[in-house]
Protein backbone atom coordinates (compact mmCIF):
# COMPACT_ATOMS: atom_id res chain seq x y z
CA MET A 1 28.58 36.38 178.66
CA TYR A 2 27.65 38.53 175.67
CA GLN A 3 30.78 37.39 173.81
CA TYR A 4 29.89 33.71 174.50
CA CYS A 5 26.30 34.19 173.28
CA LYS A 6 27.51 36.00 170.19
CA ILE A 7 29.94 33.19 169.32
CA GLN A 8 27.41 30.47 170.21
CA CYS A 9 24.61 32.18 168.24
CA ILE A 10 26.85 32.61 165.20
CA TYR A 11 27.96 28.97 165.53
CA ASN A 12 24.33 27.76 165.80
CA ARG A 13 23.34 29.89 162.82
CA LYS A 14 26.21 28.52 160.69
CA VAL A 15 25.33 24.94 161.66
CA SER A 16 21.70 25.61 160.70
CA ILE A 17 22.72 27.09 157.36
CA ILE A 18 25.07 24.18 156.67
CA SER A 19 22.30 21.77 157.64
CA ILE A 20 19.79 23.44 155.34
CA ASN A 21 22.33 23.50 152.48
CA LEU A 22 23.16 19.81 152.94
CA ARG A 23 19.48 18.93 153.03
CA GLY A 24 18.98 20.83 149.77
CA ALA A 25 21.96 19.10 148.19
CA PHE A 26 20.43 15.70 148.91
CA GLY A 27 16.98 16.56 147.58
CA GLN A 28 15.40 17.42 150.92
CA SER A 29 13.78 20.64 151.90
CA ASN A 30 12.32 22.24 154.98
CA SER A 31 8.80 21.30 153.87
CA ILE A 32 7.47 17.78 154.11
CA GLU A 33 7.64 16.21 150.66
CA THR A 34 6.16 12.93 149.57
CA ILE A 35 7.29 10.84 146.64
CA ALA A 36 4.26 10.13 144.49
CA THR A 37 3.15 6.55 144.05
CA ARG A 38 3.21 5.41 140.41
CA PHE A 39 0.85 2.80 138.96
CA VAL A 40 1.11 0.50 135.95
CA ARG A 41 -1.98 -1.39 134.80
CA ILE A 42 -2.05 -4.21 132.25
CA VAL A 43 -5.39 -4.90 130.54
CA ASN A 44 -6.02 -8.00 128.40
CA HIS A 45 -8.43 -7.33 125.54
CA LEU A 46 -7.46 -10.58 123.81
CA VAL A 47 -11.00 -11.90 124.10
CA LYS A 48 -10.19 -15.56 123.42
CA HIS A 49 -6.61 -15.80 124.75
CA PRO A 50 -4.93 -15.49 128.13
CA LEU A 51 -1.90 -13.18 128.25
CA THR A 52 1.26 -14.37 129.96
CA TYR A 53 3.62 -11.63 131.10
CA HIS A 54 6.71 -11.01 133.21
CA CYS A 55 7.36 -7.50 134.56
CA LYS A 56 10.44 -6.32 136.41
CA SER A 57 12.84 -3.50 137.14
CA ALA A 58 16.48 -3.52 138.14
CA ASP A 59 15.37 -3.90 141.78
CA ASP A 60 12.04 -5.77 141.63
CA ASP A 61 11.00 -8.92 139.79
CA LEU A 62 7.20 -9.20 139.84
CA GLY A 63 7.20 -12.77 138.53
CA ILE A 64 5.56 -14.53 135.62
CA ARG A 65 1.78 -14.12 135.63
CA ILE A 66 -1.20 -15.05 133.49
CA LEU A 67 -3.97 -12.57 132.81
CA GLN A 68 -7.27 -14.06 131.66
CA PRO A 69 -9.28 -12.48 128.78
CA ASN A 70 -10.75 -9.11 129.78
CA GLY A 71 -8.73 -9.22 133.00
CA GLU A 72 -6.68 -6.42 134.54
CA TRP A 73 -3.67 -6.36 136.83
CA GLU A 74 -2.02 -3.34 138.42
CA PHE A 75 1.12 -2.78 140.43
CA SER A 76 2.37 0.30 142.24
CA PHE A 77 5.75 1.59 143.34
CA LYS A 78 7.58 4.68 144.51
CA ALA A 79 10.08 6.23 142.12
CA ALA A 80 13.76 5.78 142.97
CA THR A 81 15.30 8.35 145.29
CA PHE A 82 18.55 8.19 143.33
CA GLY A 83 18.70 7.04 139.72
CA ILE A 84 15.83 6.38 137.33
CA THR A 85 13.00 3.92 137.82
CA ASP A 86 12.39 1.71 134.78
CA PHE A 87 9.90 -1.17 134.63
CA TYR A 88 9.71 -3.37 131.55
CA CYS A 89 7.58 -6.38 130.67
CA TYR A 90 7.71 -9.39 128.37
CA PHE A 91 4.32 -10.39 126.99
CA PHE A 92 3.50 -13.58 125.17
CA ASN A 93 0.78 -16.03 124.22
CA GLU A 94 0.82 -19.10 122.01
CA HIS A 95 1.34 -17.12 118.77
CA PHE A 96 2.93 -13.73 119.60
CA TYR A 97 5.30 -11.92 121.92
CA ALA A 98 6.34 -8.34 122.74
CA ALA A 99 8.81 -6.72 125.13
CA PHE A 100 9.03 -3.05 126.07
CA ASP A 101 9.31 -0.50 128.90
CA VAL A 102 5.96 0.03 130.63
CA TYR A 103 7.27 2.89 132.79
CA THR A 104 10.44 4.97 132.64
CA GLU A 105 10.89 7.91 134.96
CA TYR A 106 11.77 11.31 133.40
CA SER A 107 10.97 10.14 129.88
CA LYS A 108 8.60 10.81 127.03
CA LEU A 109 6.81 7.63 128.10
CA GLU A 110 6.07 9.12 131.52
CA GLU A 111 4.59 12.17 129.77
CA ARG A 112 2.49 9.96 127.47
CA CYS A 113 1.01 8.21 130.50
CA GLY A 114 -0.50 11.55 131.48
CA GLY A 115 0.23 11.39 135.19
CA ASN A 116 1.18 8.74 137.71
CA HIS A 117 -0.80 5.98 135.94
CA CYS A 118 0.41 4.05 132.89
CA ILE A 119 -2.39 1.89 131.49
CA TRP A 120 -1.39 -0.64 128.82
CA THR A 121 -4.00 -2.59 126.86
CA ALA A 122 -3.17 -5.72 124.86
CA GLU A 123 -5.22 -5.92 121.66
CA TYR A 124 -4.91 -8.35 118.76
CA ASP A 125 -3.02 -5.77 116.68
CA GLY A 126 -0.62 -4.63 119.44
CA PHE A 127 -0.33 -2.65 122.67
CA TYR A 128 -2.02 0.64 123.42
CA LEU A 129 -1.12 3.21 126.06
CA GLN A 130 -3.95 5.23 127.54
CA ASN A 131 -3.18 8.81 128.49
CA TYR A 132 -4.65 9.07 131.99
CA ARG A 133 -5.58 12.75 131.70
CA SER A 134 -7.07 12.77 128.20
CA GLY A 135 -8.37 9.19 128.06
CA GLN A 136 -6.87 8.82 124.57
CA ASN A 137 -5.47 5.38 123.59
CA VAL A 138 -2.42 5.34 121.31
CA LYS A 139 -0.91 2.23 119.75
CA LEU A 140 2.79 2.12 120.64
CA HIS A 141 3.89 -1.50 120.12
CA ASN A 142 3.18 -4.34 117.71
CA TRP A 143 3.22 -8.05 118.41
CA THR A 144 6.00 -10.16 116.93
CA THR A 145 5.12 -13.58 115.48
CA ARG A 146 6.70 -16.41 117.45
CA TRP A 147 7.45 -18.66 114.45
């Protein structure tokens, strides 16, 4: 009986260790972890013009939308379990357009957002990113003339 328990206990212990090691290899741990929700907000400060935009990632197409002057729109998502999450948007109105990444996981852009919120504001001279922690707005993109 003792010999059986010794073998069974060693076997159970090895299976537990293998299980813990496999869980660690695939990004899991013994504690309950949650993947933080990320947010991207688009703000239209083009006082006299609506802003048309199309945002998407490799997995999600959020469609073409129109944001009225002084309007805001926000979407949320969970970062990819494997790979890197990257959302980009095309912005345009009757005179200008711009296209750029609005969120890229593990990047300088994610740091500039200042947390899990990336807040982009369209102004007449370009696009500003607000650092969520500091509240500071920094111009990162210019408009391109359509004609």
